[in-house]
Amino acid sequence: MRHLTEIRWHGRGGQGAKTAALLLADVAFQAGKHVQGFPEYGPERMGAPITAYDRISDSEIRVHSNIYEPDFVAVVDDTLLHSVNVTAGLKKDGAILINTQKSAVEILPLLNGYEGKVYLINAYEVSMAALGKYFPNTPMLAAMVKISEVMEIYEFLREMETSLQHKFARKPEVLDGNLKALKLALEQVVCVK
């Protein structure tokens, strides 16, 4: 299979990691990619650690399993770095994206010596500036598309606008805020290693 990208999302119930994974699969599909987007279900409760996955490819995807050696990992809640081995199986030529208000000096020692690229974004700051409320999944989604390069940014923004217009047809203020959050996240994600 050529040009297959596998992404694993770590978050807590209610933060939107599952929604981000499914939305990424949806917009990539609308852009002509072959996709899989799915959560791993465990005890479903607000605040409990959850995992979700994406596979995105230029050709048909024939594998149907969890992702054990992802190209990219997104960590929606940095407190998970203390309890979940988020770098398990993560490819050295891949990258990890972490939502945090902490500095690289504070975060890097928590990554079990991961040798690949590390990206940070303050999704709280982005979300508050764009939406006035904390929804980390929208900024994380945009940042993941940027670092993974699973699709062109202009395609991503176009497909997201279409998707959000449908979802928030009766709430145009939410549409504008989400589009602003996507664009801010694209500007503010930073590679620290």
N, C-alpha and C. Protein backbone atom coordinates (compact mmCIF):
# COMPACT_ATOMS: atom_id res chain seq x y z
N MET A 1 0.85 -1.17 0.00
CA MET A 1 0.00 0.00 0.00
C MET A 1 0.90 1.23 0.00
N ARG A 2 0.72 2.12 -0.93
CA ARG A 2 1.58 3.30 -0.99
C ARG A 2 0.88 4.51 -0.39
N HIS A 3 1.68 5.39 0.18
CA HIS A 3 1.18 6.64 0.75
C HIS A 3 0.11 6.42 1.82
N LEU A 4 0.32 5.41 2.65
CA LEU A 4 -0.59 5.16 3.77
C LEU A 4 -0.07 5.91 4.99
N THR A 5 -0.93 6.69 5.60
CA THR A 5 -0.58 7.41 6.83
C THR A 5 -1.50 6.91 7.93
N GLU A 6 -0.89 6.54 9.07
CA GLU A 6 -1.65 6.06 10.21
C GLU A 6 -1.46 7.02 11.38
N ILE A 7 -2.58 7.40 11.99
CA ILE A 7 -2.58 8.38 13.07
C ILE A 7 -3.32 7.80 14.27
N ARG A 8 -2.74 7.98 15.45
CA ARG A 8 -3.39 7.56 16.69
C ARG A 8 -3.67 8.80 17.53
N TRP A 9 -4.88 8.91 18.03
CA TRP A 9 -5.31 10.04 18.85
C TRP A 9 -5.48 9.59 20.29
N HIS A 10 -4.92 10.35 21.23
CA HIS A 10 -5.12 10.10 22.67
C HIS A 10 -5.81 11.32 23.27
N GLY A 11 -6.86 11.07 24.02
CA GLY A 11 -7.56 12.16 24.68
C GLY A 11 -8.32 11.61 25.87
N ARG A 12 -9.20 12.44 26.38
CA ARG A 12 -10.09 12.01 27.46
C ARG A 12 -11.52 12.17 26.96
N GLY A 13 -12.39 11.32 27.47
CA GLY A 13 -13.79 11.38 27.07
C GLY A 13 -14.35 12.78 27.22
N GLY A 14 -14.96 13.29 26.17
CA GLY A 14 -15.55 14.61 26.20
C GLY A 14 -14.69 15.71 25.60
N GLN A 15 -13.44 15.40 25.23
CA GLN A 15 -12.55 16.42 24.66
C GLN A 15 -12.59 16.47 23.14
N GLY A 16 -13.22 15.50 22.52
CA GLY A 16 -13.38 15.53 21.08
C GLY A 16 -12.32 14.81 20.27
N ALA A 17 -11.50 13.96 20.90
CA ALA A 17 -10.48 13.23 20.14
C ALA A 17 -11.14 12.29 19.13
N LYS A 18 -12.19 11.60 19.55
CA LYS A 18 -12.90 10.71 18.64
C LYS A 18 -13.53 11.52 17.50
N THR A 19 -14.14 12.64 17.83
CA THR A 19 -14.76 13.50 16.82
C THR A 19 -13.71 14.00 15.83
N ALA A 20 -12.54 14.40 16.33
CA ALA A 20 -11.47 14.88 15.45
C ALA A 20 -11.03 13.78 14.49
N ALA A 21 -10.86 12.56 15.00
CA ALA A 21 -10.43 11.45 14.15
C ALA A 21 -11.48 11.16 13.07
N LEU A 22 -12.75 11.16 13.45
CA LEU A 22 -13.80 10.87 12.48
C LEU A 22 -13.95 12.02 11.47
N LEU A 23 -13.79 13.24 11.93
CA LEU A 23 -13.88 14.39 11.03
C LEU A 23 -12.72 14.41 10.05
N LEU A 24 -11.52 14.06 10.52
CA LEU A 24 -10.38 13.98 9.61
C LEU A 24 -10.64 12.94 8.53
N ALA A 25 -11.16 11.79 8.91
CA ALA A 25 -11.48 10.75 7.92
C ALA A 25 -12.52 11.26 6.93
N ASP A 26 -13.51 11.98 7.41
CA ASP A 26 -14.56 12.50 6.55
C ASP A 26 -14.02 13.51 5.53
N VAL A 27 -13.24 14.48 6.00
CA VAL A 27 -12.75 15.49 5.06
C VAL A 27 -11.72 14.91 4.09
N ALA A 28 -10.92 13.95 4.55
CA ALA A 28 -9.97 13.30 3.64
C ALA A 28 -10.71 12.51 2.57
N PHE A 29 -11.79 11.83 2.97
CA PHE A 29 -12.62 11.09 2.01
C PHE A 29 -13.22 12.05 0.97
N GLN A 30 -13.75 13.18 1.45
CA GLN A 30 -14.33 14.16 0.53
C GLN A 30 -13.29 14.71 -0.43
N ALA A 31 -12.02 14.68 -0.02
CA ALA A 31 -10.94 15.16 -0.89
C ALA A 31 -10.40 14.04 -1.79
N GLY A 32 -11.05 12.87 -1.78
CA GLY A 32 -10.68 11.80 -2.70
C GLY A 32 -9.75 10.74 -2.14
N LYS A 33 -9.50 10.75 -0.86
CA LYS A 33 -8.62 9.75 -0.25
C LYS A 33 -9.42 8.52 0.18
N HIS A 34 -8.71 7.43 0.38
CA HIS A 34 -9.28 6.23 0.99
C HIS A 34 -9.01 6.38 2.49
N VAL A 35 -10.03 6.09 3.31
CA VAL A 35 -9.89 6.39 4.73
C VAL A 35 -10.49 5.33 5.63
N GLN A 36 -10.01 5.34 6.86
CA GLN A 36 -10.64 4.65 7.97
C GLN A 36 -10.50 5.59 9.17
N GLY A 37 -11.55 5.77 9.91
CA GLY A 37 -11.52 6.55 11.14
C GLY A 37 -12.38 5.82 12.15
N PHE A 38 -11.79 5.48 13.31
CA PHE A 38 -12.53 4.67 14.27
C PHE A 38 -11.97 4.85 15.68
N PRO A 39 -12.85 4.75 16.67
CA PRO A 39 -12.41 4.81 18.07
C PRO A 39 -12.14 3.41 18.60
N GLU A 40 -11.38 3.36 19.67
CA GLU A 40 -11.21 2.10 20.42
C GLU A 40 -12.03 2.27 21.68
N TYR A 41 -13.03 1.45 21.85
CA TYR A 41 -13.93 1.62 22.98
C TYR A 41 -13.44 0.86 24.19
N GLY A 42 -13.53 1.52 25.31
CA GLY A 42 -13.25 0.94 26.61
C GLY A 42 -14.34 1.41 27.53
N PRO A 43 -14.03 1.63 28.78
CA PRO A 43 -15.05 2.17 29.68
C PRO A 43 -15.38 3.60 29.27
N GLU A 44 -16.57 3.81 28.80
CA GLU A 44 -16.98 5.12 28.28
C GLU A 44 -17.47 6.00 29.41
N ARG A 45 -16.64 6.94 29.80
CA ARG A 45 -17.09 7.92 30.78
C ARG A 45 -16.32 9.22 30.58
N MET A 46 -16.93 10.28 30.94
CA MET A 46 -16.34 11.60 30.81
C MET A 46 -15.01 11.64 31.56
N GLY A 47 -13.97 12.05 30.89
CA GLY A 47 -12.66 12.18 31.51
C GLY A 47 -11.78 10.95 31.45
N ALA A 48 -12.33 9.81 31.05
CA ALA A 48 -11.53 8.59 30.95
C ALA A 48 -10.66 8.63 29.69
N PRO A 49 -9.46 8.07 29.74
CA PRO A 49 -8.61 8.05 28.54
C PRO A 49 -9.30 7.30 27.40
N ILE A 50 -9.21 7.86 26.21
CA ILE A 50 -9.76 7.21 25.02
C ILE A 50 -8.69 7.23 23.92
N THR A 51 -8.86 6.34 22.96
CA THR A 51 -7.97 6.27 21.82
C THR A 51 -8.83 6.20 20.56
N ALA A 52 -8.40 6.91 19.53
CA ALA A 52 -9.07 6.85 18.23
C ALA A 52 -7.99 6.79 17.16
N TYR A 53 -8.39 6.37 15.96
CA TYR A 53 -7.41 6.11 14.90
C TYR A 53 -7.88 6.65 13.56
N ASP A 54 -6.90 6.95 12.71
CA ASP A 54 -7.14 7.28 11.30
C ASP A 54 -6.14 6.54 10.43
N ARG A 55 -6.64 6.04 9.32
CA ARG A 55 -5.78 5.59 8.22
C ARG A 55 -6.20 6.38 7.00
N ILE A 56 -5.24 6.95 6.31
CA ILE A 56 -5.53 7.75 5.12
C ILE A 56 -4.54 7.34 4.05
N SER A 57 -5.07 7.06 2.86
CA SER A 57 -4.22 6.53 1.79
C SER A 57 -4.69 7.02 0.43
N ASP A 58 -3.77 6.98 -0.53
CA ASP A 58 -4.11 7.29 -1.92
C ASP A 58 -4.71 6.07 -2.62
N SER A 59 -4.54 4.89 -2.01
CA SER A 59 -5.08 3.67 -2.62
C SER A 59 -5.91 2.92 -1.59
N GLU A 60 -6.57 1.88 -2.04
CA GLU A 60 -7.46 1.11 -1.18
C GLU A 60 -6.74 0.62 0.08
N ILE A 61 -7.42 0.68 1.20
CA ILE A 61 -6.87 0.22 2.47
C ILE A 61 -7.45 -1.16 2.75
N ARG A 62 -6.58 -2.14 2.89
CA ARG A 62 -7.04 -3.51 3.07
C ARG A 62 -6.88 -4.03 4.50
N VAL A 63 -6.16 -3.30 5.33
CA VAL A 63 -5.96 -3.73 6.71
C VAL A 63 -7.08 -3.18 7.58
N HIS A 64 -7.56 -4.02 8.51
CA HIS A 64 -8.64 -3.63 9.41
C HIS A 64 -8.27 -4.06 10.82
N SER A 65 -7.52 -3.20 11.50
CA SER A 65 -7.10 -3.49 12.88
C SER A 65 -6.79 -2.16 13.54
N ASN A 66 -6.51 -2.23 14.85
CA ASN A 66 -6.01 -1.04 15.53
C ASN A 66 -4.67 -0.67 14.92
N ILE A 67 -4.18 0.47 15.25
CA ILE A 67 -2.89 0.94 14.72
C ILE A 67 -1.86 0.81 15.84
N TYR A 68 -0.87 -0.03 15.60
CA TYR A 68 0.13 -0.31 16.62
C TYR A 68 1.45 0.42 16.38
N GLU A 69 1.70 0.82 15.14
CA GLU A 69 2.92 1.56 14.80
C GLU A 69 2.54 2.79 13.97
N PRO A 70 1.95 3.79 14.63
CA PRO A 70 1.47 4.97 13.89
C PRO A 70 2.61 5.82 13.35
N ASP A 71 2.27 6.55 12.30
CA ASP A 71 3.20 7.55 11.77
C ASP A 71 3.14 8.81 12.61
N PHE A 72 1.95 9.11 13.13
CA PHE A 72 1.72 10.32 13.91
C PHE A 72 0.84 10.00 15.11
N VAL A 73 1.08 10.74 16.19
CA VAL A 73 0.25 10.64 17.39
C VAL A 73 -0.18 12.04 17.78
N ALA A 74 -1.46 12.18 18.12
CA ALA A 74 -1.99 13.44 18.64
C ALA A 74 -2.41 13.21 20.09
N VAL A 75 -1.93 14.07 20.98
CA VAL A 75 -2.27 14.00 22.40
C VAL A 75 -3.09 15.24 22.73
N VAL A 76 -4.38 15.05 22.94
CA VAL A 76 -5.30 16.16 23.15
C VAL A 76 -5.20 16.69 24.59
N ASP A 77 -4.76 15.86 25.52
CA ASP A 77 -4.65 16.25 26.93
C ASP A 77 -3.28 15.85 27.45
N ASP A 78 -2.44 16.85 27.77
CA ASP A 78 -1.07 16.55 28.18
C ASP A 78 -0.97 15.82 29.52
N THR A 79 -2.04 15.77 30.32
CA THR A 79 -1.97 14.99 31.56
C THR A 79 -1.86 13.49 31.27
N LEU A 80 -2.22 13.08 30.07
CA LEU A 80 -2.08 11.67 29.70
C LEU A 80 -0.62 11.24 29.60
N LEU A 81 0.29 12.19 29.43
CA LEU A 81 1.71 11.86 29.33
C LEU A 81 2.22 11.20 30.61
N HIS A 82 1.51 11.38 31.72
CA HIS A 82 1.91 10.79 33.00
C HIS A 82 1.37 9.38 33.18
N SER A 83 0.35 9.00 32.42
CA SER A 83 -0.31 7.71 32.67
C SER A 83 -0.42 6.80 31.45
N VAL A 84 -0.24 7.33 30.25
CA VAL A 84 -0.38 6.54 29.02
C VAL A 84 0.92 6.64 28.23
N ASN A 85 1.41 5.51 27.74
CA ASN A 85 2.62 5.53 26.92
C ASN A 85 2.23 5.94 25.50
N VAL A 86 2.10 7.24 25.29
CA VAL A 86 1.60 7.76 24.02
C VAL A 86 2.58 7.56 22.87
N THR A 87 3.85 7.31 23.18
CA THR A 87 4.85 7.10 22.11
C THR A 87 5.01 5.63 21.75
N ALA A 88 4.27 4.73 22.38
CA ALA A 88 4.38 3.30 22.09
C ALA A 88 4.19 3.04 20.60
N GLY A 89 5.18 2.45 19.97
CA GLY A 89 5.08 2.08 18.56
C GLY A 89 5.23 3.23 17.58
N LEU A 90 5.31 4.46 18.06
CA LEU A 90 5.39 5.62 17.17
C LEU A 90 6.68 5.59 16.37
N LYS A 91 6.55 5.67 15.06
CA LYS A 91 7.71 5.58 14.17
C LYS A 91 8.66 6.76 14.39
N LYS A 92 9.96 6.48 14.34
CA LYS A 92 10.98 7.51 14.55
C LYS A 92 10.93 8.59 13.47
N ASP A 93 10.49 8.22 12.27
CA ASP A 93 10.42 9.22 11.20
C ASP A 93 9.04 9.89 11.16
N GLY A 94 8.25 9.67 12.19
CA GLY A 94 6.94 10.30 12.32
C GLY A 94 7.03 11.52 13.22
N ALA A 95 5.95 11.78 13.95
CA ALA A 95 5.93 12.93 14.85
C ALA A 95 4.80 12.78 15.85
N ILE A 96 4.95 13.50 16.96
CA ILE A 96 3.91 13.57 17.97
C ILE A 96 3.48 15.03 18.11
N LEU A 97 2.19 15.23 18.23
CA LEU A 97 1.58 16.55 18.40
C LEU A 97 0.92 16.56 19.78
N ILE A 98 1.28 17.56 20.59
CA ILE A 98 0.76 17.62 21.96
C ILE A 98 0.09 18.97 22.21
N ASN A 99 -1.12 18.91 22.72
CA ASN A 99 -1.83 20.11 23.16
C ASN A 99 -1.36 20.40 24.58
N THR A 100 -0.71 21.54 24.76
CA THR A 100 -0.19 21.87 26.08
C THR A 100 0.00 23.37 26.25
N GLN A 101 -0.03 23.80 27.48
CA GLN A 101 0.33 25.17 27.82
C GLN A 101 1.74 25.19 28.41
N LYS A 102 2.35 24.03 28.48
CA LYS A 102 3.70 23.89 29.06
C LYS A 102 4.76 24.11 27.99
N SER A 103 5.99 24.31 28.45
CA SER A 103 7.12 24.52 27.54
C SER A 103 7.67 23.18 27.07
N ALA A 104 8.47 23.23 26.03
CA ALA A 104 9.13 22.03 25.52
C ALA A 104 10.01 21.41 26.59
N VAL A 105 10.66 22.23 27.40
CA VAL A 105 11.53 21.74 28.47
C VAL A 105 10.74 20.87 29.46
N GLU A 106 9.48 21.22 29.69
CA GLU A 106 8.64 20.45 30.60
C GLU A 106 8.08 19.19 29.94
N ILE A 107 7.82 19.25 28.64
CA ILE A 107 7.15 18.16 27.93
C ILE A 107 8.11 17.06 27.46
N LEU A 108 9.23 17.44 26.89
CA LEU A 108 10.14 16.45 26.28
C LEU A 108 10.55 15.32 27.22
N PRO A 109 10.85 15.56 28.50
CA PRO A 109 11.22 14.44 29.38
C PRO A 109 10.10 13.42 29.60
N LEU A 110 8.88 13.77 29.27
CA LEU A 110 7.74 12.87 29.48
C LEU A 110 7.48 11.95 28.29
N LEU A 111 8.33 12.02 27.26
CA LEU A 111 8.07 11.28 26.02
C LEU A 111 8.91 10.01 25.87
N ASN A 112 9.37 9.47 26.96
CA ASN A 112 10.07 8.17 26.96
C ASN A 112 11.23 8.11 25.97
N GLY A 113 11.93 9.23 25.80
CA GLY A 113 13.10 9.25 24.91
C GLY A 113 12.75 9.21 23.43
N TYR A 114 11.51 9.54 23.07
CA TYR A 114 11.11 9.51 21.66
C TYR A 114 12.08 10.35 20.82
N GLU A 115 12.56 9.77 19.72
CA GLU A 115 13.60 10.40 18.92
C GLU A 115 13.08 11.20 17.72
N GLY A 116 11.79 11.09 17.42
CA GLY A 116 11.24 11.78 16.26
C GLY A 116 10.88 13.23 16.57
N LYS A 117 10.16 13.83 15.64
CA LYS A 117 9.77 15.23 15.78
C LYS A 117 8.66 15.38 16.82
N VAL A 118 8.71 16.51 17.51
CA VAL A 118 7.72 16.83 18.53
C VAL A 118 7.14 18.20 18.22
N TYR A 119 5.82 18.26 18.12
CA TYR A 119 5.12 19.52 17.85
C TYR A 119 4.23 19.85 19.04
N LEU A 120 4.17 21.13 19.37
CA LEU A 120 3.30 21.59 20.44
C LEU A 120 2.34 22.64 19.91
N ILE A 121 1.15 22.64 20.50
CA ILE A 121 0.17 23.68 20.22
C ILE A 121 -0.61 23.94 21.50
N ASN A 122 -0.92 25.19 21.74
CA ASN A 122 -1.75 25.56 22.88
C ASN A 122 -3.18 25.68 22.36
N ALA A 123 -3.86 24.55 22.31
CA ALA A 123 -5.23 24.51 21.77
C ALA A 123 -6.20 25.28 22.67
N TYR A 124 -5.86 25.41 23.94
CA TYR A 124 -6.70 26.21 24.84
C TYR A 124 -6.70 27.67 24.37
N GLU A 125 -5.52 28.19 24.15
CA GLU A 125 -5.38 29.59 23.71
C GLU A 125 -6.07 29.82 22.36
N VAL A 126 -5.84 28.92 21.43
CA VAL A 126 -6.46 29.03 20.10
C VAL A 126 -7.98 28.98 20.21
N SER A 127 -8.47 28.01 20.96
CA SER A 127 -9.91 27.82 21.10
C SER A 127 -10.57 29.02 21.78
N MET A 128 -9.97 29.51 22.83
CA MET A 128 -10.54 30.67 23.53
C MET A 128 -10.55 31.90 22.64
N ALA A 129 -9.48 32.11 21.87
CA ALA A 129 -9.40 33.27 20.98
C ALA A 129 -10.43 33.19 19.86
N ALA A 130 -10.67 31.98 19.35
CA ALA A 130 -11.55 31.83 18.19
C ALA A 130 -13.01 31.57 18.57
N LEU A 131 -13.22 30.83 19.66
CA LEU A 131 -14.57 30.38 20.00
C LEU A 131 -15.09 30.92 21.32
N GLY A 132 -14.17 31.41 22.17
CA GLY A 132 -14.58 31.88 23.48
C GLY A 132 -14.87 30.75 24.46
N LYS A 133 -14.66 29.51 24.03
CA LYS A 133 -14.85 28.31 24.87
C LYS A 133 -13.74 27.33 24.52
N TYR A 134 -13.52 26.39 25.41
CA TYR A 134 -12.43 25.43 25.20
C TYR A 134 -12.93 24.17 24.50
N PHE A 135 -12.61 24.08 23.21
CA PHE A 135 -12.85 22.89 22.40
C PHE A 135 -11.53 22.55 21.71
N PRO A 136 -10.71 21.67 22.30
CA PRO A 136 -9.38 21.42 21.76
C PRO A 136 -9.34 20.66 20.45
N ASN A 137 -10.41 19.96 20.10
CA ASN A 137 -10.33 19.09 18.93
C ASN A 137 -10.18 19.86 17.62
N THR A 138 -10.79 21.02 17.48
CA THR A 138 -10.69 21.77 16.23
C THR A 138 -9.25 22.22 15.97
N PRO A 139 -8.57 22.88 16.93
CA PRO A 139 -7.18 23.24 16.69
C PRO A 139 -6.27 22.02 16.49
N MET A 140 -6.53 20.96 17.24
CA MET A 140 -5.69 19.75 17.10
C MET A 140 -5.84 19.14 15.72
N LEU A 141 -7.05 19.15 15.19
CA LEU A 141 -7.31 18.61 13.86
C LEU A 141 -6.50 19.36 12.81
N ALA A 142 -6.57 20.69 12.83
CA ALA A 142 -5.82 21.49 11.86
C ALA A 142 -4.33 21.28 12.00
N ALA A 143 -3.83 21.27 13.23
CA ALA A 143 -2.40 21.08 13.46
C ALA A 143 -1.95 19.71 12.94
N MET A 144 -2.77 18.67 13.15
CA MET A 144 -2.39 17.33 12.67
C MET A 144 -2.34 17.28 11.15
N VAL A 145 -3.28 17.93 10.48
CA VAL A 145 -3.25 17.95 9.02
C VAL A 145 -1.97 18.66 8.53
N LYS A 146 -1.60 19.73 9.21
CA LYS A 146 -0.40 20.45 8.80
C LYS A 146 0.85 19.60 8.96
N ILE A 147 1.02 18.96 10.11
CA ILE A 147 2.27 18.23 10.32
C ILE A 147 2.32 16.91 9.57
N SER A 148 1.16 16.27 9.40
CA SER A 148 1.14 14.96 8.72
C SER A 148 1.13 15.09 7.20
N GLU A 149 0.67 16.24 6.71
CA GLU A 149 0.57 16.48 5.26
C GLU A 149 -0.29 15.43 4.57
N VAL A 150 -1.34 14.95 5.25
CA VAL A 150 -2.21 13.94 4.65
C VAL A 150 -3.06 14.51 3.53
N MET A 151 -3.18 15.83 3.50
CA MET A 151 -3.88 16.50 2.40
C MET A 151 -3.40 17.94 2.33
N GLU A 152 -3.66 18.55 1.20
CA GLU A 152 -3.27 19.94 1.02
C GLU A 152 -4.09 20.82 1.96
N ILE A 153 -3.47 21.84 2.51
CA ILE A 153 -4.14 22.72 3.47
C ILE A 153 -5.37 23.38 2.84
N TYR A 154 -5.25 23.85 1.59
CA TYR A 154 -6.41 24.50 0.96
C TYR A 154 -7.57 23.52 0.80
N GLU A 155 -7.27 22.23 0.49
CA GLU A 155 -8.33 21.21 0.39
C GLU A 155 -8.96 20.98 1.75
N PHE A 156 -8.12 20.88 2.76
CA PHE A 156 -8.60 20.66 4.12
C PHE A 156 -9.55 21.78 4.55
N LEU A 157 -9.13 23.02 4.36
CA LEU A 157 -9.96 24.16 4.77
C LEU A 157 -11.27 24.21 3.97
N ARG A 158 -11.18 23.90 2.68
CA ARG A 158 -12.39 23.89 1.85
C ARG A 158 -13.38 22.83 2.32
N GLU A 159 -12.88 21.62 2.55
CA GLU A 159 -13.75 20.51 2.97
C GLU A 159 -14.27 20.73 4.39
N MET A 160 -13.45 21.32 5.25
CA MET A 160 -13.91 21.62 6.61
C MET A 160 -15.01 22.68 6.58
N GLU A 161 -14.85 23.68 5.75
CA GLU A 161 -15.88 24.71 5.67
C GLU A 161 -17.21 24.11 5.21
N THR A 162 -17.16 23.25 4.21
CA THR A 162 -18.37 22.58 3.73
C THR A 162 -19.00 21.73 4.83
N SER A 163 -18.17 20.95 5.51
CA SER A 163 -18.66 20.09 6.58
C SER A 163 -19.26 20.91 7.72
N LEU A 164 -18.56 21.96 8.12
CA LEU A 164 -19.04 22.79 9.23
C LEU A 164 -20.30 23.58 8.85
N GLN A 165 -20.39 24.00 7.58
CA GLN A 165 -21.60 24.70 7.13
C GLN A 165 -22.82 23.81 7.28
N HIS A 166 -22.64 22.54 6.97
CA HIS A 166 -23.73 21.58 7.11
C HIS A 166 -24.05 21.34 8.58
N LYS A 167 -23.01 21.14 9.37
CA LYS A 167 -23.21 20.82 10.78
C LYS A 167 -23.79 22.00 11.56
N PHE A 168 -23.34 23.22 11.25
CA PHE A 168 -23.76 24.40 12.00
C PHE A 168 -24.62 25.35 11.17
N ALA A 169 -25.48 24.79 10.32
CA ALA A 169 -26.32 25.61 9.44
C ALA A 169 -27.15 26.63 10.22
N ARG A 170 -27.55 26.27 11.41
CA ARG A 170 -28.40 27.17 12.21
C ARG A 170 -27.59 27.99 13.22
N LYS A 171 -26.27 27.83 13.20
CA LYS A 171 -25.42 28.55 14.14
C LYS A 171 -24.22 29.15 13.40
N PRO A 172 -24.43 30.17 12.57
CA PRO A 172 -23.33 30.71 11.78
C PRO A 172 -22.17 31.24 12.62
N GLU A 173 -22.46 31.71 13.84
CA GLU A 173 -21.38 32.21 14.70
C GLU A 173 -20.42 31.09 15.10
N VAL A 174 -20.93 29.88 15.24
CA VAL A 174 -20.10 28.73 15.56
C VAL A 174 -19.25 28.35 14.35
N LEU A 175 -19.83 28.46 13.17
CA LEU A 175 -19.09 28.18 11.93
C LEU A 175 -17.89 29.11 11.82
N ASP A 176 -18.11 30.39 11.98
CA ASP A 176 -17.02 31.36 11.86
C ASP A 176 -15.94 31.11 12.90
N GLY A 177 -16.33 30.82 14.13
CA GLY A 177 -15.36 30.56 15.19
C GLY A 177 -14.52 29.33 14.91
N ASN A 178 -15.15 28.27 14.41
CA ASN A 178 -14.41 27.05 14.10
C ASN A 178 -13.44 27.26 12.95
N LEU A 179 -13.86 27.99 11.93
CA LEU A 179 -12.95 28.29 10.82
C LEU A 179 -11.78 29.13 11.29
N LYS A 180 -12.04 30.08 12.18
CA LYS A 180 -10.96 30.89 12.74
C LYS A 180 -10.01 30.03 13.55
N ALA A 181 -10.55 29.08 14.33
CA ALA A 181 -9.72 28.18 15.14
C ALA A 181 -8.82 27.33 14.26
N LEU A 182 -9.35 26.85 13.14
CA LEU A 182 -8.53 26.05 12.22
C LEU A 182 -7.36 26.86 11.68
N LYS A 183 -7.64 28.09 11.26
CA LYS A 183 -6.59 28.94 10.68
C LYS A 183 -5.56 29.35 11.72
N LEU A 184 -6.01 29.68 12.92
CA LEU A 184 -5.07 30.04 13.99
C LEU A 184 -4.16 28.86 14.34
N ALA A 185 -4.73 27.68 14.40
CA ALA A 185 -3.95 26.49 14.73
C ALA A 185 -2.88 26.23 13.69
N LEU A 186 -3.21 26.43 12.43
CA LEU A 186 -2.22 26.24 11.37
C LEU A 186 -1.03 27.18 11.54
N GLU A 187 -1.29 28.35 12.08
CA GLU A 187 -0.23 29.33 12.30
C GLU A 187 0.55 29.06 13.58
N GLN A 188 -0.10 28.50 14.59
CA GLN A 188 0.51 28.44 15.91
C GLN A 188 1.16 27.11 16.29
N VAL A 189 0.94 26.05 15.53
CA VAL A 189 1.61 24.80 15.85
C VAL A 189 3.11 24.98 15.59
N VAL A 190 3.94 24.48 16.52
CA VAL A 190 5.37 24.71 16.43
C VAL A 190 6.15 23.41 16.68
N CYS A 191 7.20 23.22 15.90
CA CYS A 191 8.08 22.05 16.06
C CYS A 191 9.15 22.44 17.09
N VAL A 192 9.25 21.64 18.17
CA VAL A 192 10.23 21.93 19.22
C VAL A 192 11.37 20.94 19.25
N LYS A 193 11.28 19.90 18.45
CA LYS A 193 12.37 18.90 18.38
C LYS A 193 12.26 18.14 17.08
